[in-house]
Each structure stands twice: as structure tokens, then as C-alpha cells.
Amino acid sequence: MGVQPNILEPLLEKAGAYGKTSFEILKLKALGKTADVSAKLISRSLFVLIISFFAFLLNIAIALWLGDLLGKAYYGFLIVAACYGIAGVVLLILHPFIRNRVSNNLVKQLFN
């Protein structure tokens, strides 16, 4: 009987060490994925911000140019606003498709 605890004790210690090591590896993998997804999210957000500023200023320039061509400045802004209204309706119609596509890409990013 005295021999069995001596045999099981090192085995239990090794199993405990293996469990701790496996948990640490899992934590590091999760941290790596989180860092990867966060870095992509931040870099894409900065890109979208810069493109948004560009698009905003370009839209003002187009609205002023169209207004100058049509004789009244507000005509240009009305035309640009109408274009955005049409784009909004199209996005509203395509929303389920876009949502599914974004969700699928996010899941692929997390599990690859």
C-alpha cells in the first residue's frame, strides 16, 4: 500500500503541470487572436476615417461645383443629398446580405 501513493503522486503532479501549461497556451493563443483582430480593426478604422474626410470634402466640392453650373448653390447640395438618399435606400435593401457577409468574415478572422 505504501508503494501506490509514491507512484501516483508524480503522475498527478505531471498531469497538473500539463493542465497548467495547456491553459497557458490557450490563453496565449486567445491573446494573439485578440491582438490580431484589434490591430486589423484599428488600422481599418483609421483608413475609413481618412477616406471619410476625403469623401466629405469631395462631396462639398461637387455640390458647390454643381450649384455653380446650375446657378444656385443649394441645387448642387440637393443633387448630392438625393444621391445619398438613393444610396441609403440601396444599402437598406442590401442590409441582410451585407450583415451576413460581415459576420462570416469576422468568424473566419477569429477562427483562422
N, C-alpha and C. Protein backbone atom coordinates (compact mmCIF):
# COMPACT_ATOMS: atom_id res chain seq x y z
N MET A 1 0.81 -1.19 0.00
CA MET A 1 0.00 0.00 0.00
C MET A 1 0.85 1.26 0.00
N GLY A 2 2.00 1.20 0.62
CA GLY A 2 2.87 2.36 0.69
C GLY A 2 3.49 2.71 -0.64
N VAL A 3 3.50 1.78 -1.58
CA VAL A 3 4.13 2.00 -2.88
C VAL A 3 3.20 2.79 -3.82
N GLN A 4 1.91 2.58 -3.76
CA GLN A 4 0.97 3.22 -4.66
C GLN A 4 0.97 4.75 -4.55
N PRO A 5 0.94 5.37 -3.36
CA PRO A 5 0.97 6.83 -3.32
C PRO A 5 2.25 7.40 -3.95
N ASN A 6 3.36 6.71 -3.82
CA ASN A 6 4.61 7.19 -4.42
C ASN A 6 4.55 7.14 -5.94
N ILE A 7 3.81 6.19 -6.50
CA ILE A 7 3.69 6.08 -7.96
C ILE A 7 2.69 7.11 -8.49
N LEU A 8 1.59 7.31 -7.81
CA LEU A 8 0.55 8.22 -8.27
C LEU A 8 0.90 9.69 -8.06
N GLU A 9 1.66 9.97 -7.05
CA GLU A 9 1.99 11.37 -6.75
C GLU A 9 2.73 12.06 -7.88
N PRO A 10 3.81 11.51 -8.44
CA PRO A 10 4.47 12.17 -9.58
C PRO A 10 3.56 12.27 -10.81
N LEU A 11 2.72 11.23 -11.00
CA LEU A 11 1.80 11.26 -12.13
C LEU A 11 0.79 12.39 -12.00
N LEU A 12 0.27 12.60 -10.80
CA LEU A 12 -0.67 13.69 -10.55
C LEU A 12 0.01 15.05 -10.70
N GLU A 13 1.26 15.15 -10.27
CA GLU A 13 2.00 16.41 -10.43
C GLU A 13 2.21 16.72 -11.90
N LYS A 14 2.56 15.70 -12.70
CA LYS A 14 2.78 15.91 -14.13
C LYS A 14 1.47 16.27 -14.83
N ALA A 15 0.37 15.63 -14.42
CA ALA A 15 -0.93 15.96 -15.00
C ALA A 15 -1.33 17.39 -14.66
N GLY A 16 -1.06 17.81 -13.44
CA GLY A 16 -1.36 19.19 -13.05
C GLY A 16 -0.51 20.18 -13.82
N ALA A 17 0.77 19.87 -14.01
CA ALA A 17 1.65 20.75 -14.78
C ALA A 17 1.21 20.81 -16.24
N TYR A 18 0.79 19.66 -16.78
CA TYR A 18 0.29 19.63 -18.15
C TYR A 18 -0.96 20.48 -18.30
N GLY A 19 -1.86 20.38 -17.34
CA GLY A 19 -3.08 21.19 -17.37
C GLY A 19 -2.78 22.67 -17.32
N LYS A 20 -1.84 23.07 -16.44
CA LYS A 20 -1.47 24.48 -16.35
C LYS A 20 -0.82 24.96 -17.64
N THR A 21 0.05 24.14 -18.22
CA THR A 21 0.72 24.51 -19.47
C THR A 21 -0.29 24.63 -20.60
N SER A 22 -1.22 23.68 -20.68
CA SER A 22 -2.25 23.74 -21.72
C SER A 22 -3.10 24.99 -21.57
N PHE A 23 -3.43 25.34 -20.36
CA PHE A 23 -4.22 26.55 -20.11
C PHE A 23 -3.44 27.80 -20.51
N GLU A 24 -2.14 27.85 -20.21
CA GLU A 24 -1.31 28.99 -20.59
C GLU A 24 -1.22 29.11 -22.11
N ILE A 25 -1.07 27.98 -22.79
CA ILE A 25 -1.03 28.00 -24.26
C ILE A 25 -2.34 28.53 -24.82
N LEU A 26 -3.44 28.08 -24.27
CA LEU A 26 -4.76 28.54 -24.71
C LEU A 26 -4.91 30.05 -24.49
N LYS A 27 -4.45 30.53 -23.33
CA LYS A 27 -4.52 31.97 -23.06
C LYS A 27 -3.67 32.75 -24.06
N LEU A 28 -2.48 32.26 -24.37
CA LEU A 28 -1.60 32.96 -25.31
C LEU A 28 -2.19 32.96 -26.72
N LYS A 29 -2.80 31.85 -27.13
CA LYS A 29 -3.44 31.82 -28.45
C LYS A 29 -4.60 32.81 -28.51
N ALA A 30 -5.39 32.87 -27.45
CA ALA A 30 -6.52 33.82 -27.40
C ALA A 30 -6.01 35.25 -27.43
N LEU A 31 -4.94 35.51 -26.72
CA LEU A 31 -4.34 36.85 -26.71
C LEU A 31 -3.82 37.21 -28.09
N GLY A 32 -3.19 36.26 -28.75
CA GLY A 32 -2.69 36.51 -30.11
C GLY A 32 -3.81 36.83 -31.07
N LYS A 33 -4.90 36.06 -31.01
CA LYS A 33 -6.05 36.33 -31.88
C LYS A 33 -6.67 37.69 -31.58
N THR A 34 -6.80 38.00 -30.30
CA THR A 34 -7.37 39.29 -29.91
C THR A 34 -6.50 40.44 -30.41
N ALA A 35 -5.20 40.30 -30.27
CA ALA A 35 -4.28 41.35 -30.74
C ALA A 35 -4.37 41.49 -32.25
N ASP A 36 -4.47 40.38 -32.96
CA ASP A 36 -4.56 40.42 -34.42
C ASP A 36 -5.84 41.10 -34.88
N VAL A 37 -6.95 40.70 -34.30
CA VAL A 37 -8.24 41.29 -34.67
C VAL A 37 -8.28 42.77 -34.29
N SER A 38 -7.75 43.12 -33.12
CA SER A 38 -7.73 44.52 -32.68
C SER A 38 -6.87 45.38 -33.60
N ALA A 39 -5.71 44.86 -33.99
CA ALA A 39 -4.83 45.62 -34.88
C ALA A 39 -5.50 45.85 -36.23
N LYS A 40 -6.16 44.82 -36.76
CA LYS A 40 -6.85 44.99 -38.04
C LYS A 40 -8.00 45.98 -37.91
N LEU A 41 -8.73 45.90 -36.80
CA LEU A 41 -9.85 46.80 -36.58
C LEU A 41 -9.39 48.25 -36.48
N ILE A 42 -8.32 48.49 -35.75
CA ILE A 42 -7.82 49.86 -35.59
C ILE A 42 -7.28 50.39 -36.90
N SER A 43 -6.50 49.58 -37.63
CA SER A 43 -5.94 50.07 -38.90
C SER A 43 -7.04 50.33 -39.92
N ARG A 44 -8.04 49.47 -39.97
CA ARG A 44 -9.14 49.70 -40.91
C ARG A 44 -9.98 50.89 -40.49
N SER A 45 -10.13 51.10 -39.19
CA SER A 45 -10.89 52.26 -38.72
C SER A 45 -10.19 53.56 -39.10
N LEU A 46 -8.88 53.60 -38.97
CA LEU A 46 -8.13 54.79 -39.38
C LEU A 46 -8.26 55.02 -40.88
N PHE A 47 -8.20 53.94 -41.65
CA PHE A 47 -8.36 54.07 -43.09
C PHE A 47 -9.75 54.61 -43.44
N VAL A 48 -10.77 54.09 -42.79
CA VAL A 48 -12.14 54.56 -43.04
C VAL A 48 -12.29 56.02 -42.63
N LEU A 49 -11.66 56.42 -41.54
CA LEU A 49 -11.72 57.81 -41.09
C LEU A 49 -11.09 58.74 -42.13
N ILE A 50 -9.94 58.38 -42.64
CA ILE A 50 -9.26 59.22 -43.64
C ILE A 50 -10.08 59.30 -44.92
N ILE A 51 -10.60 58.15 -45.37
CA ILE A 51 -11.43 58.13 -46.57
C ILE A 51 -12.71 58.94 -46.36
N SER A 52 -13.25 58.91 -45.15
CA SER A 52 -14.47 59.67 -44.85
C SER A 52 -14.22 61.17 -44.95
N PHE A 53 -13.08 61.63 -44.40
CA PHE A 53 -12.74 63.06 -44.53
C PHE A 53 -12.59 63.44 -45.99
N PHE A 54 -11.92 62.60 -46.75
CA PHE A 54 -11.74 62.86 -48.18
C PHE A 54 -13.10 62.93 -48.88
N ALA A 55 -13.96 61.94 -48.62
CA ALA A 55 -15.27 61.91 -49.27
C ALA A 55 -16.12 63.11 -48.86
N PHE A 56 -16.04 63.51 -47.60
CA PHE A 56 -16.81 64.66 -47.12
C PHE A 56 -16.40 65.92 -47.87
N LEU A 57 -15.11 66.16 -47.96
CA LEU A 57 -14.63 67.36 -48.66
C LEU A 57 -14.91 67.29 -50.16
N LEU A 58 -14.79 66.09 -50.73
CA LEU A 58 -15.08 65.93 -52.15
C LEU A 58 -16.56 66.19 -52.43
N ASN A 59 -17.43 65.74 -51.55
CA ASN A 59 -18.86 65.97 -51.73
C ASN A 59 -19.21 67.45 -51.65
N ILE A 60 -18.57 68.15 -50.74
CA ILE A 60 -18.81 69.60 -50.67
C ILE A 60 -18.35 70.28 -51.96
N ALA A 61 -17.18 69.86 -52.46
CA ALA A 61 -16.67 70.45 -53.70
C ALA A 61 -17.60 70.14 -54.87
N ILE A 62 -18.10 68.90 -54.96
CA ILE A 62 -19.01 68.54 -56.05
C ILE A 62 -20.32 69.32 -55.93
N ALA A 63 -20.83 69.45 -54.72
CA ALA A 63 -22.08 70.19 -54.52
C ALA A 63 -21.90 71.66 -54.93
N LEU A 64 -20.80 72.27 -54.55
CA LEU A 64 -20.56 73.66 -54.93
C LEU A 64 -20.38 73.79 -56.44
N TRP A 65 -19.69 72.84 -57.05
CA TRP A 65 -19.47 72.87 -58.49
C TRP A 65 -20.80 72.72 -59.25
N LEU A 66 -21.60 71.74 -58.82
CA LEU A 66 -22.92 71.57 -59.46
C LEU A 66 -23.80 72.80 -59.25
N GLY A 67 -23.75 73.37 -58.05
CA GLY A 67 -24.51 74.58 -57.78
C GLY A 67 -24.09 75.73 -58.67
N ASP A 68 -22.78 75.81 -58.91
CA ASP A 68 -22.26 76.86 -59.80
C ASP A 68 -22.75 76.64 -61.23
N LEU A 69 -22.76 75.38 -61.66
CA LEU A 69 -23.24 75.08 -63.01
C LEU A 69 -24.73 75.36 -63.17
N LEU A 70 -25.51 75.09 -62.11
CA LEU A 70 -26.96 75.25 -62.18
C LEU A 70 -27.44 76.63 -61.78
N GLY A 71 -26.55 77.47 -61.28
CA GLY A 71 -26.92 78.84 -60.96
C GLY A 71 -27.24 79.10 -59.51
N LYS A 72 -27.57 78.10 -58.74
CA LYS A 72 -27.89 78.26 -57.31
C LYS A 72 -27.08 77.21 -56.54
N ALA A 73 -26.43 77.64 -55.49
CA ALA A 73 -25.57 76.73 -54.73
C ALA A 73 -26.36 75.59 -54.10
N TYR A 74 -27.56 75.88 -53.66
CA TYR A 74 -28.32 74.83 -52.97
C TYR A 74 -28.78 73.73 -53.93
N TYR A 75 -28.85 73.99 -55.23
CA TYR A 75 -29.19 72.93 -56.18
C TYR A 75 -28.14 71.82 -56.16
N GLY A 76 -26.91 72.21 -56.09
CA GLY A 76 -25.82 71.22 -56.03
C GLY A 76 -25.93 70.37 -54.78
N PHE A 77 -26.22 71.01 -53.65
CA PHE A 77 -26.36 70.25 -52.40
C PHE A 77 -27.59 69.34 -52.44
N LEU A 78 -28.66 69.79 -53.08
CA LEU A 78 -29.84 68.94 -53.22
C LEU A 78 -29.56 67.71 -54.08
N ILE A 79 -28.79 67.90 -55.14
CA ILE A 79 -28.45 66.76 -56.01
C ILE A 79 -27.57 65.77 -55.26
N VAL A 80 -26.59 66.26 -54.54
CA VAL A 80 -25.71 65.38 -53.76
C VAL A 80 -26.50 64.66 -52.68
N ALA A 81 -27.41 65.38 -52.02
CA ALA A 81 -28.24 64.75 -50.99
C ALA A 81 -29.14 63.68 -51.59
N ALA A 82 -29.67 63.94 -52.78
CA ALA A 82 -30.52 62.94 -53.45
C ALA A 82 -29.71 61.68 -53.78
N CYS A 83 -28.48 61.86 -54.19
CA CYS A 83 -27.61 60.70 -54.46
C CYS A 83 -27.40 59.89 -53.20
N TYR A 84 -27.19 60.57 -52.07
CA TYR A 84 -27.03 59.86 -50.80
C TYR A 84 -28.33 59.19 -50.38
N GLY A 85 -29.45 59.80 -50.67
CA GLY A 85 -30.73 59.17 -50.36
C GLY A 85 -30.92 57.88 -51.14
N ILE A 86 -30.58 57.90 -52.41
CA ILE A 86 -30.67 56.70 -53.24
C ILE A 86 -29.70 55.63 -52.73
N ALA A 87 -28.49 56.03 -52.39
CA ALA A 87 -27.50 55.07 -51.85
C ALA A 87 -28.00 54.48 -50.53
N GLY A 88 -28.66 55.28 -49.72
CA GLY A 88 -29.20 54.79 -48.46
C GLY A 88 -30.29 53.75 -48.67
N VAL A 89 -31.15 53.98 -49.65
CA VAL A 89 -32.21 53.01 -49.95
C VAL A 89 -31.60 51.70 -50.46
N VAL A 90 -30.59 51.80 -51.31
CA VAL A 90 -29.92 50.60 -51.81
C VAL A 90 -29.27 49.83 -50.66
N LEU A 91 -28.60 50.54 -49.75
CA LEU A 91 -27.99 49.87 -48.59
C LEU A 91 -29.04 49.26 -47.68
N LEU A 92 -30.17 49.89 -47.55
CA LEU A 92 -31.25 49.33 -46.74
C LEU A 92 -31.76 48.02 -47.34
N ILE A 93 -31.86 47.98 -48.65
CA ILE A 93 -32.29 46.76 -49.33
C ILE A 93 -31.24 45.66 -49.20
N LEU A 94 -29.96 46.02 -49.31
CA LEU A 94 -28.87 45.04 -49.26
C LEU A 94 -28.38 44.73 -47.85
N HIS A 95 -29.00 45.33 -46.83
CA HIS A 95 -28.53 45.18 -45.45
C HIS A 95 -28.39 43.73 -44.99
N PRO A 96 -29.37 42.85 -45.22
CA PRO A 96 -29.21 41.45 -44.75
C PRO A 96 -27.99 40.76 -45.38
N PHE A 97 -27.79 40.98 -46.66
CA PHE A 97 -26.64 40.38 -47.34
C PHE A 97 -25.32 40.91 -46.77
N ILE A 98 -25.24 42.21 -46.56
CA ILE A 98 -24.02 42.82 -46.03
C ILE A 98 -23.76 42.33 -44.61
N ARG A 99 -24.82 42.25 -43.77
CA ARG A 99 -24.67 41.80 -42.40
C ARG A 99 -24.15 40.37 -42.34
N ASN A 100 -24.70 39.49 -43.17
CA ASN A 100 -24.24 38.10 -43.20
C ASN A 100 -22.80 38.00 -43.66
N ARG A 101 -22.44 38.78 -44.64
CA ARG A 101 -21.07 38.76 -45.16
C ARG A 101 -20.08 39.22 -44.10
N VAL A 102 -20.41 40.29 -43.40
CA VAL A 102 -19.52 40.81 -42.35
C VAL A 102 -19.41 39.81 -41.20
N SER A 103 -20.52 39.21 -40.80
CA SER A 103 -20.49 38.21 -39.73
C SER A 103 -19.62 37.02 -40.11
N ASN A 104 -19.78 36.53 -41.32
CA ASN A 104 -18.98 35.40 -41.77
C ASN A 104 -17.49 35.73 -41.80
N ASN A 105 -17.15 36.92 -42.27
CA ASN A 105 -15.74 37.32 -42.30
C ASN A 105 -15.17 37.46 -40.90
N LEU A 106 -15.95 37.97 -39.98
CA LEU A 106 -15.49 38.11 -38.59
C LEU A 106 -15.24 36.76 -37.96
N VAL A 107 -16.13 35.81 -38.19
CA VAL A 107 -15.94 34.47 -37.64
C VAL A 107 -14.71 33.82 -38.26
N LYS A 108 -14.50 33.99 -39.56
CA LYS A 108 -13.31 33.44 -40.21
C LYS A 108 -12.04 34.04 -39.61
N GLN A 109 -12.06 35.36 -39.35
CA GLN A 109 -10.90 36.02 -38.75
C GLN A 109 -10.59 35.45 -37.38
N LEU A 110 -11.61 35.18 -36.60
CA LEU A 110 -11.41 34.70 -35.23
C LEU A 110 -10.94 33.26 -35.18
N PHE A 111 -11.37 32.44 -36.13
CA PHE A 111 -11.05 31.02 -36.05
C PHE A 111 -9.95 30.56 -36.99
N ASN A 112 -9.36 31.43 -37.74
CA ASN A 112 -8.23 31.05 -38.61
C ASN A 112 -6.93 31.51 -38.02
